[in-house]
Protein backbone atom coordinates (compact mmCIF):
# COMPACT_ATOMS: atom_id res chain seq x y z
CA MET A 1 22.64 5.83 -8.17
CA THR A 2 21.24 9.15 -6.99
CA GLN A 3 20.22 9.39 -3.36
CA ASN A 4 16.52 10.17 -3.01
CA LYS A 5 15.40 12.33 -0.11
CA LYS A 6 11.73 11.98 0.65
CA PHE A 7 9.92 14.23 3.09
CA ALA A 8 6.36 13.98 4.35
CA VAL A 9 3.97 16.82 5.10
CA THR A 10 1.25 15.77 7.53
CA GLY A 11 -1.16 17.17 10.10
CA GLY A 12 -4.76 16.92 11.12
CA ILE A 13 -7.70 17.58 8.85
CA GLY A 14 -7.99 21.31 8.12
CA SER A 15 -4.49 22.12 9.40
CA GLY A 16 -3.26 23.54 6.09
CA LYS A 17 -1.19 20.71 4.63
CA THR A 18 -2.24 21.67 1.10
CA ALA A 19 -1.26 25.32 1.69
CA VAL A 20 2.20 24.22 2.86
CA CYS A 21 2.55 21.94 -0.16
CA GLY A 22 1.57 24.84 -2.42
CA ILE A 23 4.42 26.90 -0.97
CA LEU A 24 6.83 24.00 -1.46
CA LYS A 25 5.76 23.81 -5.13
CA GLU A 26 6.27 27.57 -5.53
CA LEU A 27 9.78 27.08 -4.15
CA GLY A 28 10.46 24.52 -6.90
CA TYR A 29 10.11 21.21 -5.07
CA PRO A 30 8.22 18.26 -6.54
CA VAL A 31 5.20 17.62 -4.31
CA PHE A 32 2.91 14.61 -4.44
CA SER A 33 -0.43 13.96 -2.76
CA CYS A 34 -1.87 10.81 -1.22
CA ASP A 35 -5.32 12.35 -1.63
CA GLU A 36 -4.80 12.75 -5.40
CA ILE A 37 -3.63 9.15 -5.65
CA SER A 38 -6.64 8.05 -3.61
CA ARG A 39 -8.98 9.93 -5.98
CA ALA A 40 -7.34 8.19 -8.95
CA LEU A 41 -8.05 4.81 -7.32
CA TRP A 42 -11.76 5.55 -7.79
CA GLU A 43 -11.17 5.12 -11.52
CA ASP A 44 -9.78 1.60 -11.01
CA GLU A 45 -12.45 -1.09 -11.53
CA ALA A 46 -10.67 -3.68 -9.35
CA TYR A 47 -10.52 -1.19 -6.49
CA LEU A 48 -14.22 -0.32 -6.90
CA GLU A 49 -15.13 -4.02 -6.84
CA ALA A 50 -13.13 -4.47 -3.64
CA LEU A 51 -14.98 -1.50 -2.09
CA LYS A 52 -18.33 -3.01 -3.06
CA ALA A 53 -17.35 -6.25 -1.32
CA LEU A 54 -16.17 -4.42 1.81
CA PHE A 55 -19.08 -1.99 2.05
CA PRO A 56 -22.16 -3.54 0.41
CA THR A 57 -24.49 -1.15 2.27
CA CYS A 58 -22.68 1.86 0.76
CA ILE A 59 -23.59 1.21 -2.88
CA LYS A 60 -25.55 3.79 -4.84
CA ASP A 61 -26.50 3.28 -8.49
CA GLY A 62 -24.33 0.16 -8.60
CA LYS A 63 -21.15 1.95 -7.46
CA PRO A 64 -19.55 2.61 -4.07
CA ASP A 65 -20.67 6.01 -2.76
CA LYS A 66 -17.77 8.04 -1.28
CA LYS A 67 -19.97 10.07 1.05
CA LEU A 68 -21.74 7.00 2.41
CA ILE A 69 -18.43 5.20 2.94
CA SER A 70 -16.92 8.27 4.65
CA ALA A 71 -19.89 8.62 6.97
CA PHE A 72 -19.72 4.91 7.77
CA VAL A 73 -15.98 4.65 8.45
CA PHE A 74 -15.92 7.66 10.76
CA VAL A 75 -18.40 6.01 13.12
CA ASP A 76 -17.11 2.43 12.81
CA TRP A 77 -13.45 1.90 13.75
CA ASN A 78 -13.32 -1.60 12.23
CA ALA A 79 -14.75 -0.35 8.94
CA ARG A 80 -12.13 2.39 8.84
CA ARG A 81 -9.37 -0.18 9.41
CA ARG A 82 -10.72 -2.36 6.58
CA LEU A 83 -10.78 0.62 4.21
CA GLU A 84 -7.25 1.62 5.19
CA ALA A 85 -6.00 -1.96 4.71
CA LEU A 86 -7.40 -1.88 1.17
CA SER A 87 -6.34 1.61 0.11
CA HIS A 88 -3.17 2.55 1.99
CA PRO A 89 -0.79 -0.05 0.47
CA ARG A 90 -1.94 0.91 -3.05
CA ILE A 91 -1.59 4.62 -2.31
CA MET A 92 1.88 4.28 -0.77
CA GLU A 93 3.14 2.10 -3.63
CA GLU A 94 2.10 4.70 -6.20
CA LEU A 95 3.38 7.57 -4.05
CA PHE A 96 6.88 6.09 -3.82
CA ALA A 97 6.91 5.28 -7.52
CA GLN A 98 6.33 8.98 -8.16
CA MET A 99 8.80 10.22 -5.54
CA ASN A 100 11.61 7.89 -6.64
CA ALA A 101 12.05 9.88 -9.85
CA HIS A 102 13.36 12.91 -7.89
CA ALA A 103 16.46 13.63 -5.82
CA VAL A 104 14.37 15.58 -3.29
CA SER A 105 10.60 15.52 -3.05
CA PHE A 106 7.72 16.07 -0.64
CA ALA A 107 4.46 14.23 -0.17
CA GLU A 108 1.24 15.27 1.52
CA VAL A 109 0.43 12.23 3.69
CA PRO A 110 -2.63 12.91 5.88
CA LEU A 111 -2.52 9.67 7.90
CA LEU A 112 1.25 9.30 8.10
CA PHE A 113 1.51 8.32 11.78
CA GLU A 114 -1.82 6.53 11.91
CA GLY A 115 -0.54 4.22 9.17
CA GLY A 116 2.95 3.88 10.66
CA TYR A 117 4.61 5.27 7.50
CA GLU A 118 6.82 7.92 9.11
CA LYS A 119 9.92 5.67 9.06
CA LEU A 120 9.75 5.55 5.24
CA PHE A 121 10.61 9.25 5.03
CA ASP A 122 13.82 11.19 5.65
CA GLY A 123 11.96 13.87 7.57
CA VAL A 124 8.47 14.97 8.53
CA LEU A 125 6.84 18.40 8.57
CA VAL A 126 3.76 18.57 10.78
CA VAL A 127 1.30 21.37 10.10
CA GLU A 128 -0.57 22.55 13.18
CA ARG A 129 -3.49 24.93 13.44
CA ASN A 130 -5.91 25.95 16.18
CA GLU A 131 -8.81 23.51 16.31
CA ASP A 132 -11.52 26.16 15.90
CA LEU A 133 -9.86 27.32 12.66
CA ARG A 134 -9.57 23.72 11.48
CA ILE A 135 -13.24 23.02 12.16
CA SER A 136 -14.53 26.16 10.43
CA SER A 137 -12.21 25.58 7.46
CA VAL A 138 -13.33 21.97 6.91
CA MET A 139 -17.01 22.88 7.42
CA ALA A 140 -16.70 25.53 4.69
CA ARG A 141 -14.58 23.36 2.37
CA ASP A 142 -16.47 20.06 2.63
CA GLY A 143 -19.96 21.11 3.70
CA LEU A 144 -19.76 19.00 6.86
CA SER A 145 -21.36 19.72 10.21
CA GLU A 146 -19.26 20.64 13.23
CA ALA A 147 -19.99 17.20 14.74
CA GLU A 148 -18.83 15.44 11.56
CA VAL A 149 -15.58 17.42 11.49
CA SER A 150 -14.99 16.77 15.19
CA ARG A 151 -15.43 13.01 14.61
CA ARG A 152 -12.82 13.14 11.85
CA ILE A 153 -10.42 15.10 14.04
CA SER A 154 -10.83 12.57 16.86
CA ALA A 155 -10.09 9.70 14.44
CA GLN A 156 -6.60 11.12 13.82
CA PHE A 157 -3.53 11.54 16.00
CA SER A 158 -3.51 14.73 18.05
CA ASP A 159 -0.88 17.42 17.54
CA GLU A 160 0.66 16.33 20.85
CA GLU A 161 0.97 12.73 19.62
CA ARG A 162 2.57 13.89 16.37
CA ARG A 163 5.08 16.09 18.24
CA LYS A 164 6.43 13.03 20.06
CA LYS A 165 7.60 11.58 16.74
CA GLY A 166 10.62 13.84 16.17
CA VAL A 167 9.11 16.16 13.61
CA ILE A 168 9.51 19.73 12.43
CA ARG A 169 6.45 21.76 13.38
CA ILE A 170 4.83 24.30 11.09
CA GLU A 171 2.38 26.54 12.90
CA ASN A 172 -0.39 27.76 10.58
CA ASN A 173 -2.39 30.30 12.54
CA GLY A 174 -1.35 33.47 10.73
CA SER A 175 -1.16 34.93 7.27
CA GLN A 176 0.06 33.30 4.06
CA GLU A 177 3.24 35.40 4.30
CA GLU A 178 3.90 34.13 7.83
CA LEU A 179 3.31 30.56 6.67
CA ARG A 180 5.76 31.02 3.79
CA PHE A 181 8.42 32.29 6.23
CA ILE A 182 7.84 29.30 8.55
CA VAL A 183 8.07 26.84 5.63
CA LYS A 184 11.39 28.35 4.49
CA LYS A 185 12.71 28.04 8.04
CA ALA A 186 11.60 24.40 8.15
CA LEU A 187 13.44 23.73 4.88
CA SER A 188 16.65 25.05 6.41
CA LEU A 189 16.16 22.67 9.36
CA LEU A 190 15.92 19.84 6.81
CA GLY A 191 19.20 21.00 5.27
CA LEU A 192 17.56 22.21 2.05
């Protein structure tokens, strides 16, 4: 049986995880996304029914409303934990089903450490970026206010907490060319 090597790409919201994953794809590696799997869950009727039961005040036109749920879970820690308990096991199961088909693969896992999933991977790349750049990037991308982005940042592990986990750091404060160079260097540290 072929040995599978699975690597996670993580970091705070707006750090540039997707940009790093794009470079990995350009370099020929299979890359999977927890966010894409999460979006696909919204097509699953059983999942939607479970969301309705968990968040009855977040229903709009008979369906769970993503924006209402997001706003709710980022101010209520217990609500966030309930959502994660519902979605994370389903996401991780599908993620590993996809990754198992490859000898070496990467996955974008935003809440890797928060969910305690780091031990499931052979290595972890942590993308770091200055907080002001993260905030402005997420505000532009998602149409959120600075306060909303700051709440989401505070709901995640800090860069300092992630560094304590024995990871390879990818600093994303420069150009795309600089990021590509840093990613290639990280791959050599992983033995790839």
